[in-house]
C-alpha atoms as a PDB file:
ATOM      1  CA  MET A   1      96.443 125.776 135.587  1.00  0.00           C
ATOM      2  CA  ARG A   2      95.616 121.912 135.393  1.00  0.00           C
ATOM      3  CA  ALA A   3      92.131 122.344 133.629  1.00  0.00           C
ATOM      4  CA  VAL A   4      93.714 124.412 131.157  1.00  0.00           C
ATOM      5  CA  LEU A   5      97.037 121.977 130.382  1.00  0.00           C
ATOM      6  CA  GLY A   6      94.074 119.218 130.373  1.00  0.00           C
ATOM      7  CA  GLY A   7      92.032 121.214 127.931  1.00  0.00           C
ATOM      8  CA  ALA A   8      95.002 122.016 125.511  1.00  0.00           C
ATOM      9  CA  ALA A   9      95.567 118.079 125.486  1.00  0.00           C
ATOM     10  CA  PHE A  10      92.435 116.984 125.009  1.00  0.00           C
ATOM     11  CA  THR A  11      92.583 119.958 122.211  1.00  0.00           C
ATOM     12  CA  PHE A  12      95.188 117.690 120.990  1.00  0.00           C
ATOM     13  CA  ALA A  13      94.086 114.688 121.044  1.00  0.00           C
ATOM     14  CA  THR A  14      90.863 115.660 119.479  1.00  0.00           C
ATOM     15  CA  SER A  15      92.603 117.238 116.936  1.00  0.00           C
ATOM     16  CA  PHE A  16      95.046 114.289 116.257  1.00  0.00           C
ATOM     17  CA  ALA A  17      91.884 111.770 116.328  1.00  0.00           C
ATOM     18  CA  ALA A  18      89.963 113.843 113.220  1.00  0.00           C
ATOM     19  CA  GLN A  19      93.748 113.731 111.543  1.00  0.00           C
ATOM     20  CA  ALA A  20      93.916 110.004 111.401  1.00  0.00           C
ATOM     21  CA  ALA A  21      90.221 109.699 110.316  1.00  0.00           C
ATOM     22  CA  ASP A  22      90.751 112.366 107.565  1.00  0.00           C
ATOM     23  CA  THR A  23      93.879 110.624 106.526  1.00  0.00           C
ATOM     24  CA  SER A  24      91.876 106.968 106.802  1.00  0.00           C
ATOM     25  CA  ALA A  25      89.145 108.489 104.514  1.00  0.00           C
ATOM     26  CA  ASP A  26      91.873 109.701 101.879  1.00  0.00           C
ATOM     27  CA  ALA A  27      92.661 106.117 101.979  1.00  0.00           C
ATOM     28  CA  ILE A  28      89.489 104.331 100.976  1.00  0.00           C
ATOM     29  CA  ALA A  29      88.479 106.980  98.807  1.00  0.00           C
ATOM     30  CA  MET A  30      91.775 106.288  96.672  1.00  0.00           C
ATOM     31  CA  VAL A  31      91.269 103.028  96.488  1.00  0.00           C
ATOM     32  CA  ASP A  32      87.421 103.423  95.738  1.00  0.00           C
ATOM     33  CA  LYS A  33      88.527 106.007  93.209  1.00  0.00           C
ATOM     34  CA  GLY A  34      91.247 103.073  91.678  1.00  0.00           C
ATOM     35  CA  VAL A  35      88.150 101.019  91.624  1.00  0.00           C
ATOM     36  CA  VAL A  36      86.212 103.147  89.423  1.00  0.00           C
ATOM     37  CA  PHE A  37      88.791 103.769  87.478  1.00  0.00           C
ATOM     38  CA  LEU A  38      89.592  99.455  86.957  1.00  0.00           C
ATOM     39  CA  GLN A  39      85.972  99.041  86.141  1.00  0.00           C
ATOM     40  CA  LYS A  40      85.397 101.866  83.526  1.00  0.00           C
ATOM     41  CA  ASN A  41      89.278 101.380  81.763  1.00  0.00           C
ATOM     42  CA  GLY A  42      90.008  98.206  83.093  1.00  0.00           C
ATOM     43  CA  LYS A  43      93.505  96.777  84.777  1.00  0.00           C
ATOM     44  CA  ASP A  44      96.047  97.742  81.788  1.00  0.00           C
ATOM     45  CA  ALA A  45      95.162 101.073  81.926  1.00  0.00           C
ATOM     46  CA  LEU A  46      94.724 101.902  85.957  1.00  0.00           C
ATOM     47  CA  ILE A  47      98.426 100.002  86.006  1.00  0.00           C
ATOM     48  CA  ALA A  48      99.762 102.664  83.471  1.00  0.00           C
ATOM     49  CA  ALA A  49      98.097 105.568  85.219  1.00  0.00           C
ATOM     50  CA  ILE A  50      99.240 104.572  88.681  1.00  0.00           C
ATOM     51  CA  ASN A  51     102.943 103.851  87.066  1.00  0.00           C
ATOM     52  CA  SER A  52     102.919 107.029  85.215  1.00  0.00           C
ATOM     53  CA  LYS A  53     102.420 108.916  88.812  1.00  0.00           C
ATOM     54  CA  SER A  54      99.121 109.922  87.834  1.00  0.00           C
ATOM     55  CA  PRO A  55      97.685 112.887  90.352  1.00  0.00           C
ATOM     56  CA  GLU A  56      94.295 111.128  90.450  1.00  0.00           C
ATOM     57  CA  PHE A  57      95.972 108.718  92.424  1.00  0.00           C
ATOM     58  CA  VAL A  58      99.430 109.971  94.366  1.00  0.00           C
ATOM     59  CA  ASN A  59      98.544 112.776  96.867  1.00  0.00           C
ATOM     60  CA  GLU A  60      99.766 114.567 100.007  1.00  0.00           C
ATOM     61  CA  THR A  61      98.582 111.717 102.427  1.00  0.00           C
ATOM     62  CA  THR A  62      98.269 108.385 100.300  1.00  0.00           C
ATOM     63  CA  TYR A  63      99.245 106.573  97.034  1.00  0.00           C
ATOM     64  CA  LEU A  64      97.184 103.932  95.249  1.00  0.00           C
ATOM     65  CA  THR A  65      98.924 100.585  94.828  1.00  0.00           C
ATOM     66  CA  MET A  66      98.100  97.513  92.858  1.00  0.00           C
ATOM     67  CA  ARG A  67      99.223  93.928  93.918  1.00  0.00           C
ATOM     68  CA  ALA A  68      98.119  90.358  91.825  1.00  0.00           C
ATOM     69  CA  LEU A  69      96.697  87.627  94.147  1.00  0.00           C
ATOM     70  CA  ASP A  70      99.618  85.716  94.077  1.00  0.00           C
ATOM     71  CA  GLY A  71     101.954  89.035  95.395  1.00  0.00           C
ATOM     72  CA  THR A  72     103.335  90.439  92.690  1.00  0.00           C
ATOM     73  CA  GLN A  73     103.509  94.318  92.985  1.00  0.00           C
ATOM     74  CA  LEU A  74     102.270  95.493  89.329  1.00  0.00           C
ATOM     75  CA  ALA A  75     101.744  99.122  90.025  1.00  0.00           C
ATOM     76  CA  HIS A  76     103.324 101.575  92.141  1.00  0.00           C
ATOM     77  CA  PRO A  77     103.862 105.250  91.993  1.00  0.00           C
ATOM     78  CA  THR A  78     106.336 106.353  94.178  1.00  0.00           C
ATOM     79  CA  ASN A  79     108.795 102.870  94.248  1.00  0.00           C
ATOM     80  CA  PRO A  80     109.247 101.101  90.989  1.00  0.00           C
ATOM     81  CA  LYS A  81     111.797  99.387  91.867  1.00  0.00           C
ATOM     82  CA  LEU A  82     109.000  97.036  93.271  1.00  0.00           C
ATOM     83  CA  ILE A  83     107.180  96.692  90.200  1.00  0.00           C
ATOM     84  CA  GLY A  84     107.143  92.954  89.578  1.00  0.00           C
ATOM     85  CA  LYS A  85     108.416  91.528  92.499  1.00  0.00           C
ATOM     86  CA  ASN A  86     106.970  89.289  95.088  1.00  0.00           C
ATOM     87  CA  MET A  87     107.772  90.166  98.234  1.00  0.00           C
ATOM     88  CA  VAL A  88     105.062  88.211 100.541  1.00  0.00           C
ATOM     89  CA  VAL A  89     107.588  86.620 102.773  1.00  0.00           C
ATOM     90  CA  LEU A  90     109.301  89.906 103.483  1.00  0.00           C
ATOM     91  CA  PRO A  91     108.216  90.951 107.125  1.00  0.00           C
ATOM     92  CA  ASP A  92     107.583  94.546 108.563  1.00  0.00           C
ATOM     93  CA  ALA A  93     109.689  96.008 111.417  1.00  0.00           C
ATOM     94  CA  ASP A  94     108.166  93.393 114.025  1.00  0.00           C
ATOM     95  CA  GLY A  95     108.193  90.555 111.719  1.00  0.00           C
ATOM     96  CA  LYS A  96     104.743  90.300 110.518  1.00  0.00           C
ATOM     97  CA  LEU A  97     104.083  88.866 107.203  1.00  0.00           C
ATOM     98  CA  PHE A  98     101.566  92.243 106.319  1.00  0.00           C
ATOM     99  CA  ARG A  99     101.166  91.429 102.326  1.00  0.00           C
ATOM    100  CA  LYS A 100     100.407  87.748 103.218  1.00  0.00           C
ATOM    101  CA  ASP A 101      97.582  89.009 105.879  1.00  0.00           C
ATOM    102  CA  ILE A 102      96.560  91.873 102.748  1.00  0.00           C
ATOM    103  CA  ILE A 103      96.137  88.692 100.627  1.00  0.00           C
ATOM    104  CA  ASP A 104      94.345  86.522 102.690  1.00  0.00           C
ATOM    105  CA  GLN A 105      92.187  88.538 104.056  1.00  0.00           C
ATOM    106  CA  ALA A 106      91.324  90.053 100.720  1.00  0.00           C
ATOM    107  CA  LYS A 107      90.793  86.720  99.238  1.00  0.00           C
ATOM    108  CA  LYS A 108      88.492  86.079 102.278  1.00  0.00           C
ATOM    109  CA  THR A 109      86.595  89.203 102.324  1.00  0.00           C
ATOM    110  CA  GLY A 110      87.270  91.356  99.623  1.00  0.00           C
ATOM    111  CA  LYS A 111      88.344  94.284 101.711  1.00  0.00           C
ATOM    112  CA  GLY A 112      89.733  95.451 105.130  1.00  0.00           C
ATOM    113  CA  TRP A 113      92.426  97.449 106.710  1.00  0.00           C
ATOM    114  CA  VAL A 114      95.815  95.626 107.904  1.00  0.00           C
ATOM    115  CA  ASP A 115      98.215  97.598 110.436  1.00  0.00           C
ATOM    116  CA  TYR A 116     101.901  96.863 110.651  1.00  0.00           C
ATOM    117  CA  ARG A 117     105.262  98.543 111.095  1.00  0.00           C
ATOM    118  CA  TYR A 118     107.136 100.319 108.257  1.00  0.00           C
ATOM    119  CA  ASN A 119     110.015 102.826 106.913  1.00  0.00           C
ATOM    120  CA  ASN A 120     107.957 105.932 106.584  1.00  0.00           C
ATOM    121  CA  PRO A 121     109.953 107.346 103.421  1.00  0.00           C
ATOM    122  CA  THR A 122     109.405 110.768 104.176  1.00  0.00           C
ATOM    123  CA  SER A 123     110.282 110.771 107.822  1.00  0.00           C
ATOM    124  CA  GLY A 124     112.952 108.151 107.490  1.00  0.00           C
ATOM    125  CA  GLN A 125     111.407 106.380 110.732  1.00  0.00           C
ATOM    126  CA  ILE A 126     109.522 103.118 111.325  1.00  0.00           C
ATOM    127  CA  GLU A 127     106.314 103.797 111.952  1.00  0.00           C
ATOM    128  CA  LYS A 128     102.961 102.388 112.445  1.00  0.00           C
ATOM    129  CA  LYS A 129     101.145 101.996 109.140  1.00  0.00           C
ATOM    130  CA  SER A 130      97.538 100.742 108.017  1.00  0.00           C
ATOM    131  CA  THR A 131      96.456  99.749 104.498  1.00  0.00           C
ATOM    132  CA  TYR A 132      93.298  99.435 103.072  1.00  0.00           C
ATOM    133  CA  PHE A 133      92.906  97.645 100.538  1.00  0.00           C
ATOM    134  CA  PHE A 134      90.170  96.050  98.066  1.00  0.00           C
ATOM    135  CA  LYS A 135      90.070  92.926  95.920  1.00  0.00           C
ATOM    136  CA  SER A 136      88.635  93.541  92.787  1.00  0.00           C
ATOM    137  CA  GLY A 137      88.909  90.641  90.233  1.00  0.00           C
ATOM    138  CA  ASP A 138      92.029  88.995  90.431  1.00  0.00           C
ATOM    139  CA  VAL A 139      93.859  92.336  91.416  1.00  0.00           C
ATOM    140  CA  ILE A 140      93.932  93.793  95.401  1.00  0.00           C
ATOM    141  CA  LEU A 141      93.961  98.093  94.816  1.00  0.00           C
ATOM    142  CA  GLU A 142      95.457  99.465  98.521  1.00  0.00           C
ATOM    143  CA  ALA A 143      96.334 102.971  99.541  1.00  0.00           C
ATOM    144  CA  GLY A 144      98.163 103.352 103.252  1.00  0.00           C
ATOM    145  CA  ILE A 145      98.519 105.431 105.770  1.00  0.00           C
ATOM    146  CA  TYR A 146     101.406 106.339 108.016  1.00  0.00           C
ATOM    147  CA  LYS A 147      99.855 106.860 111.605  1.00  0.00           C
ATOM    148  CA  GLY A 148     103.493 108.012 113.573  1.00  0.00           C
ATOM    149  CA  LYS A 149     105.658 105.884 116.435  1.00  0.00           C
END
């Protein structure tokens, strides 16, 4: 019985790890797709595409957003109330200034991940979230993934 339970736990853990890896890859792919679009069509076209909820930039696991280097939200497909706002000084559920971290790291390294805890609109719960970001010119493209409690 113990071996069966251990195997089930291993299968679940392996499946969860694979799912997390898949969604991480989805976030990177989403940002990469945004970078290509930005280089081909320009910033204004990408802002319009993101804000119009283009299926190219919104899917079941993530969506693309765009932020100016000063922190002003330029594009957001799921929460248009954020567009034009600078919320760098607003922390996550644990007091972390994650937006500032994204901007600081983007200026320093150009790309990377920032982890924080945030309200998942699907579950209505505070969950772990990771956001992949890439600095392109004077903007930062971002795609986040929720990782559960």
